[in-house]
Amino acid sequence: MDKINYNRIKAVLAEKNVSSKELAGHLDKTESTVSRWCTNDVQPSVEIFYLIAKYLDVDIRELFVSIK
């Protein structure tokens, strides 16, 4: 069974030229945690999604589904 992608964190990081290491540092999380979010192994809380969106200066919906 194929893994379902629930978030676009990895794609948005690439679009914004921000590394997962930078995001981890900003959120005071480990790089491993951010990596697991990027690979959709686990999902961050709604509060963390909000902080990610704010840091990346994107609408929070961009982290879930592309609206392009």
PDB file of N, CA and C in Angstrom:
ATOM      1  N   MET A   1       0.834  -1.172   0.000  1.00  0.00           N
ATOM      2  CA  MET A   1       0.000   0.000   0.000  1.00  0.00           C
ATOM      3  C   MET A   1       0.889   1.249   0.000  1.00  0.00           C
ATOM      4  N   ASP A   2       0.560   2.219  -0.838  1.00  0.00           N
ATOM      5  CA  ASP A   2       1.329   3.450  -0.919  1.00  0.00           C
ATOM      6  C   ASP A   2       1.081   4.320   0.297  1.00  0.00           C
ATOM      7  N   LYS A   3       2.137   5.018   0.688  1.00  0.00           N
ATOM      8  CA  LYS A   3       2.012   5.945   1.816  1.00  0.00           C
ATOM      9  C   LYS A   3       1.224   7.173   1.371  1.00  0.00           C
ATOM     10  N   ILE A   4       0.295   7.607   2.195  1.00  0.00           N
ATOM     11  CA  ILE A   4      -0.511   8.788   1.899  1.00  0.00           C
ATOM     12  C   ILE A   4       0.236  10.021   2.392  1.00  0.00           C
ATOM     13  N   ASN A   5       0.328  11.024   1.528  1.00  0.00           N
ATOM     14  CA  ASN A   5       0.934  12.285   1.923  1.00  0.00           C
ATOM     15  C   ASN A   5      -0.148  13.191   2.487  1.00  0.00           C
ATOM     16  N   TYR A   6      -0.013  13.496   3.763  1.00  0.00           N
ATOM     17  CA  TYR A   6      -0.986  14.354   4.430  1.00  0.00           C
ATOM     18  C   TYR A   6      -0.570  15.812   4.423  1.00  0.00           C
ATOM     19  N   ASN A   7       0.745  16.052   4.327  1.00  0.00           N
ATOM     20  CA  ASN A   7       1.209  17.435   4.349  1.00  0.00           C
ATOM     21  C   ASN A   7       2.218  17.694   3.236  1.00  0.00           C
ATOM     22  N   ARG A   8       2.471  18.961   2.997  1.00  0.00           N
ATOM     23  CA  ARG A   8       3.411  19.405   1.968  1.00  0.00           C
ATOM     24  C   ARG A   8       4.584  20.170   2.586  1.00  0.00           C
ATOM     25  N   ILE A   9       4.910  19.870   3.826  1.00  0.00           N
ATOM     26  CA  ILE A   9       5.965  20.622   4.503  1.00  0.00           C
ATOM     27  C   ILE A   9       7.261  20.574   3.709  1.00  0.00           C
ATOM     28  N   LYS A  10       7.655  19.411   3.256  1.00  0.00           N
ATOM     29  CA  LYS A  10       8.906  19.273   2.506  1.00  0.00           C
ATOM     30  C   LYS A  10       8.887  20.129   1.242  1.00  0.00           C
ATOM     31  N   ALA A  11       7.789  20.113   0.508  1.00  0.00           N
ATOM     32  CA  ALA A  11       7.683  20.880  -0.734  1.00  0.00           C
ATOM     33  C   ALA A  11       7.724  22.382  -0.463  1.00  0.00           C
ATOM     34  N   VAL A  12       7.034  22.818   0.572  1.00  0.00           N
ATOM     35  CA  VAL A  12       7.003  24.248   0.887  1.00  0.00           C
ATOM     36  C   VAL A  12       8.376  24.711   1.370  1.00  0.00           C
ATOM     37  N   LEU A  13       9.059  23.888   2.140  1.00  0.00           N
ATOM     38  CA  LEU A  13      10.423  24.228   2.537  1.00  0.00           C
ATOM     39  C   LEU A  13      11.300  24.444   1.309  1.00  0.00           C
ATOM     40  N   ALA A  14      11.181  23.558   0.330  1.00  0.00           N
ATOM     41  CA  ALA A  14      11.970  23.679  -0.898  1.00  0.00           C
ATOM     42  C   ALA A  14      11.589  24.944  -1.664  1.00  0.00           C
ATOM     43  N   GLU A  15      10.296  25.226  -1.754  1.00  0.00           N
ATOM     44  CA  GLU A  15       9.835  26.434  -2.458  1.00  0.00           C
ATOM     45  C   GLU A  15      10.370  27.702  -1.805  1.00  0.00           C
ATOM     46  N   LYS A  16      10.508  27.689  -0.496  1.00  0.00           N
ATOM     47  CA  LYS A  16      10.961  28.865   0.257  1.00  0.00           C
ATOM     48  C   LYS A  16      12.472  28.867   0.483  1.00  0.00           C
ATOM     49  N   ASN A  17      13.161  27.846  -0.016  1.00  0.00           N
ATOM     50  CA  ASN A  17      14.615  27.711   0.169  1.00  0.00           C
ATOM     51  C   ASN A  17      15.004  27.741   1.645  1.00  0.00           C
ATOM     52  N   VAL A  18      14.248  27.018   2.445  1.00  0.00           N
ATOM     53  CA  VAL A  18      14.519  26.896   3.872  1.00  0.00           C
ATOM     54  C   VAL A  18      14.830  25.430   4.146  1.00  0.00           C
ATOM     55  N   SER A  19      15.877  25.184   4.913  1.00  0.00           N
ATOM     56  CA  SER A  19      16.232  23.800   5.217  1.00  0.00           C
ATOM     57  C   SER A  19      15.424  23.284   6.404  1.00  0.00           C
ATOM     58  N   SER A  20      15.319  21.985   6.476  1.00  0.00           N
ATOM     59  CA  SER A  20      14.624  21.388   7.613  1.00  0.00           C
ATOM     60  C   SER A  20      15.390  21.674   8.899  1.00  0.00           C
ATOM     61  N   LYS A  21      16.714  21.822   8.801  1.00  0.00           N
ATOM     62  CA  LYS A  21      17.528  22.157   9.961  1.00  0.00           C
ATOM     63  C   LYS A  21      17.168  23.554  10.492  1.00  0.00           C
ATOM     64  N   GLU A  22      16.962  24.505   9.583  1.00  0.00           N
ATOM     65  CA  GLU A  22      16.562  25.858   9.989  1.00  0.00           C
ATOM     66  C   GLU A  22      15.194  25.835  10.662  1.00  0.00           C
ATOM     67  N   LEU A  23      14.265  25.093  10.079  1.00  0.00           N
ATOM     68  CA  LEU A  23      12.926  24.993  10.665  1.00  0.00           C
ATOM     69  C   LEU A  23      13.000  24.359  12.044  1.00  0.00           C
ATOM     70  N   ALA A  24      13.775  23.299  12.171  1.00  0.00           N
ATOM     71  CA  ALA A  24      13.926  22.627  13.463  1.00  0.00           C
ATOM     72  C   ALA A  24      14.473  23.594  14.509  1.00  0.00           C
ATOM     73  N   GLY A  25      15.469  24.369  14.136  1.00  0.00           N
ATOM     74  CA  GLY A  25      16.044  25.336  15.071  1.00  0.00           C
ATOM     75  C   GLY A  25      15.042  26.389  15.490  1.00  0.00           C
ATOM     76  N   HIS A  26      14.269  26.875  14.537  1.00  0.00           N
ATOM     77  CA  HIS A  26      13.272  27.905  14.842  1.00  0.00           C
ATOM     78  C   HIS A  26      12.188  27.385  15.784  1.00  0.00           C
ATOM     79  N   LEU A  27      11.788  26.136  15.586  1.00  0.00           N
ATOM     80  CA  LEU A  27      10.708  25.556  16.396  1.00  0.00           C
ATOM     81  C   LEU A  27      11.213  24.878  17.663  1.00  0.00           C
ATOM     82  N   ASP A  28      12.533  24.860  17.856  1.00  0.00           N
ATOM     83  CA  ASP A  28      13.139  24.174  18.996  1.00  0.00           C
ATOM     84  C   ASP A  28      12.772  22.692  19.006  1.00  0.00           C
ATOM     85  N   LYS A  29      12.852  22.092  17.815  1.00  0.00           N
ATOM     86  CA  LYS A  29      12.594  20.659  17.641  1.00  0.00           C
ATOM     87  C   LYS A  29      13.859  20.024  17.087  1.00  0.00           C
ATOM     88  N   THR A  30      13.943  18.705  17.140  1.00  0.00           N
ATOM     89  CA  THR A  30      15.108  18.031  16.573  1.00  0.00           C
ATOM     90  C   THR A  30      14.949  17.925  15.059  1.00  0.00           C
ATOM     91  N   GLU A  31      16.077  17.808  14.378  1.00  0.00           N
ATOM     92  CA  GLU A  31      16.038  17.610  12.925  1.00  0.00           C
ATOM     93  C   GLU A  31      15.316  16.320  12.578  1.00  0.00           C
ATOM     94  N   SER A  32      15.445  15.329  13.430  1.00  0.00           N
ATOM     95  CA  SER A  32      14.769  14.050  13.216  1.00  0.00           C
ATOM     96  C   SER A  32      13.252  14.214  13.220  1.00  0.00           C
ATOM     97  N   THR A  33      12.757  15.019  14.130  1.00  0.00           N
ATOM     98  CA  THR A  33      11.314  15.265  14.204  1.00  0.00           C
ATOM     99  C   THR A  33      10.820  15.926  12.934  1.00  0.00           C
ATOM    100  N   VAL A  34      11.507  16.966  12.489  1.00  0.00           N
ATOM    101  CA  VAL A  34      11.112  17.671  11.266  1.00  0.00           C
ATOM    102  C   VAL A  34      11.213  16.733  10.068  1.00  0.00           C
ATOM    103  N   SER A  35      12.227  15.900  10.041  1.00  0.00           N
ATOM    104  CA  SER A  35      12.375  14.931   8.950  1.00  0.00           C
ATOM    105  C   SER A  35      11.172  13.986   8.895  1.00  0.00           C
ATOM    106  N   ARG A  36      10.698  13.556  10.038  1.00  0.00           N
ATOM    107  CA  ARG A  36       9.542  12.651  10.079  1.00  0.00           C
ATOM    108  C   ARG A  36       8.280  13.350   9.610  1.00  0.00           C
ATOM    109  N   TRP A  37       8.171  14.668   9.868  1.00  0.00           N
ATOM    110  CA  TRP A  37       7.042  15.430   9.338  1.00  0.00           C
ATOM    111  C   TRP A  37       7.142  15.508   7.823  1.00  0.00           C
ATOM    112  N   CYS A  38       8.358  15.758   7.328  1.00  0.00           N
ATOM    113  CA  CYS A  38       8.564  15.931   5.886  1.00  0.00           C
ATOM    114  C   CYS A  38       8.300  14.646   5.102  1.00  0.00           C
ATOM    115  N   THR A  39       8.529  13.512   5.729  1.00  0.00           N
ATOM    116  CA  THR A  39       8.294  12.237   5.057  1.00  0.00           C
ATOM    117  C   THR A  39       6.907  11.676   5.359  1.00  0.00           C
ATOM    118  N   ASN A  40       6.108  12.439   6.100  1.00  0.00           N
ATOM    119  CA  ASN A  40       4.748  12.040   6.458  1.00  0.00           C
ATOM    120  C   ASN A  40       4.695  10.774   7.314  1.00  0.00           C
ATOM    121  N   ASP A  41       5.775  10.507   8.050  1.00  0.00           N
ATOM    122  CA  ASP A  41       5.745   9.384   8.991  1.00  0.00           C
ATOM    123  C   ASP A  41       4.880   9.728  10.195  1.00  0.00           C
ATOM    124  N   VAL A  42       4.954  10.980  10.632  1.00  0.00           N
ATOM    125  CA  VAL A  42       4.116  11.501  11.715  1.00  0.00           C
ATOM    126  C   VAL A  42       3.667  12.898  11.310  1.00  0.00           C
ATOM    127  N   GLN A  43       2.643  13.382  11.982  1.00  0.00           N
ATOM    128  CA  GLN A  43       2.124  14.716  11.678  1.00  0.00           C
ATOM    129  C   GLN A  43       2.282  15.620  12.890  1.00  0.00           C
ATOM    130  N   PRO A  44       2.660  16.878  12.654  1.00  0.00           N
ATOM    131  CA  PRO A  44       2.727  17.814  13.771  1.00  0.00           C
ATOM    132  C   PRO A  44       1.322  18.194  14.233  1.00  0.00           C
ATOM    133  N   SER A  45       1.249  18.786  15.404  1.00  0.00           N
ATOM    134  CA  SER A  45      -0.035  19.253  15.924  1.00  0.00           C
ATOM    135  C   SER A  45      -0.505  20.458  15.115  1.00  0.00           C
ATOM    136  N   VAL A  46      -1.751  20.810  15.280  1.00  0.00           N
ATOM    137  CA  VAL A  46      -2.306  21.984  14.601  1.00  0.00           C
ATOM    138  C   VAL A  46      -1.522  23.235  14.995  1.00  0.00           C
ATOM    139  N   GLU A  47      -1.146  23.311  16.259  1.00  0.00           N
ATOM    140  CA  GLU A  47      -0.383  24.468  16.729  1.00  0.00           C
ATOM    141  C   GLU A  47       0.960  24.568  16.018  1.00  0.00           C
ATOM    142  N   ILE A  48       1.607  23.438  15.818  1.00  0.00           N
ATOM    143  CA  ILE A  48       2.901  23.434  15.122  1.00  0.00           C
ATOM    144  C   ILE A  48       2.709  23.788  13.654  1.00  0.00           C
ATOM    145  N   PHE A  49       1.646  23.275  13.014  1.00  0.00           N
ATOM    146  CA  PHE A  49       1.365  23.675  11.634  1.00  0.00           C
ATOM    147  C   PHE A  49       1.231  25.186  11.539  1.00  0.00           C
ATOM    148  N   TYR A  50       0.553  25.793  12.509  1.00  0.00           N
ATOM    149  CA  TYR A  50       0.382  27.246  12.525  1.00  0.00           C
ATOM    150  C   TYR A  50       1.747  27.940  12.607  1.00  0.00           C
ATOM    151  N   LEU A  51       2.618  27.461  13.499  1.00  0.00           N
ATOM    152  CA  LEU A  51       3.940  28.067  13.653  1.00  0.00           C
ATOM    153  C   LEU A  51       4.791  27.896  12.400  1.00  0.00           C
ATOM    154  N   ILE A  52       4.670  26.745  11.756  1.00  0.00           N
ATOM    155  CA  ILE A  52       5.412  26.509  10.506  1.00  0.00           C
ATOM    156  C   ILE A  52       4.936  27.487   9.436  1.00  0.00           C
ATOM    157  N   ALA A  53       3.627  27.616   9.288  1.00  0.00           N
ATOM    158  CA  ALA A  53       3.063  28.527   8.288  1.00  0.00           C
ATOM    159  C   ALA A  53       3.504  29.958   8.545  1.00  0.00           C
ATOM    160  N   LYS A  54       3.488  30.351   9.793  1.00  0.00           N
ATOM    161  CA  LYS A  54       3.899  31.709  10.153  1.00  0.00           C
ATOM    162  C   LYS A  54       5.378  31.924   9.825  1.00  0.00           C
ATOM    163  N   TYR A  55       6.226  30.974  10.176  1.00  0.00           N
ATOM    164  CA  TYR A  55       7.664  31.070   9.915  1.00  0.00           C
ATOM    165  C   TYR A  55       7.957  31.130   8.414  1.00  0.00           C
ATOM    166  N   LEU A  56       7.230  30.318   7.633  1.00  0.00           N
ATOM    167  CA  LEU A  56       7.463  30.263   6.190  1.00  0.00           C
ATOM    168  C   LEU A  56       6.681  31.333   5.431  1.00  0.00           C
ATOM    169  N   ASP A  57       5.858  32.086   6.145  1.00  0.00           N
ATOM    170  CA  ASP A  57       5.057  33.154   5.557  1.00  0.00           C
ATOM    171  C   ASP A  57       4.161  32.639   4.429  1.00  0.00           C
ATOM    172  N   VAL A  58       3.405  31.580   4.761  1.00  0.00           N
ATOM    173  CA  VAL A  58       2.448  31.003   3.823  1.00  0.00           C
ATOM    174  C   VAL A  58       1.112  30.827   4.534  1.00  0.00           C
ATOM    175  N   ASP A  59       0.054  30.744   3.743  1.00  0.00           N
ATOM    176  CA  ASP A  59      -1.251  30.387   4.279  1.00  0.00           C
ATOM    177  C   ASP A  59      -1.153  28.944   4.781  1.00  0.00           C
ATOM    178  N   ILE A  60      -1.706  28.673   5.931  1.00  0.00           N
ATOM    179  CA  ILE A  60      -1.582  27.334   6.517  1.00  0.00           C
ATOM    180  C   ILE A  60      -2.095  26.249   5.573  1.00  0.00           C
ATOM    181  N   ARG A  61      -3.061  26.594   4.720  1.00  0.00           N
ATOM    182  CA  ARG A  61      -3.599  25.601   3.776  1.00  0.00           C
ATOM    183  C   ARG A  61      -2.549  25.110   2.796  1.00  0.00           C
ATOM    184  N   GLU A  62      -1.542  25.932   2.527  1.00  0.00           N
ATOM    185  CA  GLU A  62      -0.463  25.530   1.624  1.00  0.00           C
ATOM    186  C   GLU A  62       0.332  24.343   2.173  1.00  0.00           C
ATOM    187  N   LEU A  63       0.278  24.153   3.476  1.00  0.00           N
ATOM    188  CA  LEU A  63       0.998  23.040   4.087  1.00  0.00           C
ATOM    189  C   LEU A  63       0.252  21.720   3.921  1.00  0.00           C
ATOM    190  N   PHE A  64      -1.004  21.793   3.502  1.00  0.00           N
ATOM    191  CA  PHE A  64      -1.796  20.577   3.340  1.00  0.00           C
ATOM    192  C   PHE A  64      -2.069  20.246   1.890  1.00  0.00           C
ATOM    193  N   VAL A  65      -2.562  21.199   1.121  1.00  0.00           N
ATOM    194  CA  VAL A  65      -2.948  20.947  -0.260  1.00  0.00           C
ATOM    195  C   VAL A  65      -2.549  22.161  -1.089  1.00  0.00           C
ATOM    196  N   SER A  66      -1.953  21.916  -2.205  1.00  0.00           N
ATOM    197  CA  SER A  66      -1.587  23.027  -3.082  1.00  0.00           C
ATOM    198  C   SER A  66      -2.847  23.696  -3.597  1.00  0.00           C
ATOM    199  N   ILE A  67      -2.878  25.008  -3.524  1.00  0.00           N
ATOM    200  CA  ILE A  67      -4.042  25.737  -4.024  1.00  0.00           C
ATOM    201  C   ILE A  67      -3.737  26.414  -5.353  1.00  0.00           C
ATOM    202  N   LYS A  68      -2.654  26.004  -5.980  1.00  0.00           N
ATOM    203  CA  LYS A  68      -2.262  26.560  -7.276  1.00  0.00           C
ATOM    204  C   LYS A  68      -3.097  25.935  -8.372  1.00  0.00           C
TER     205      LYS A  68
END
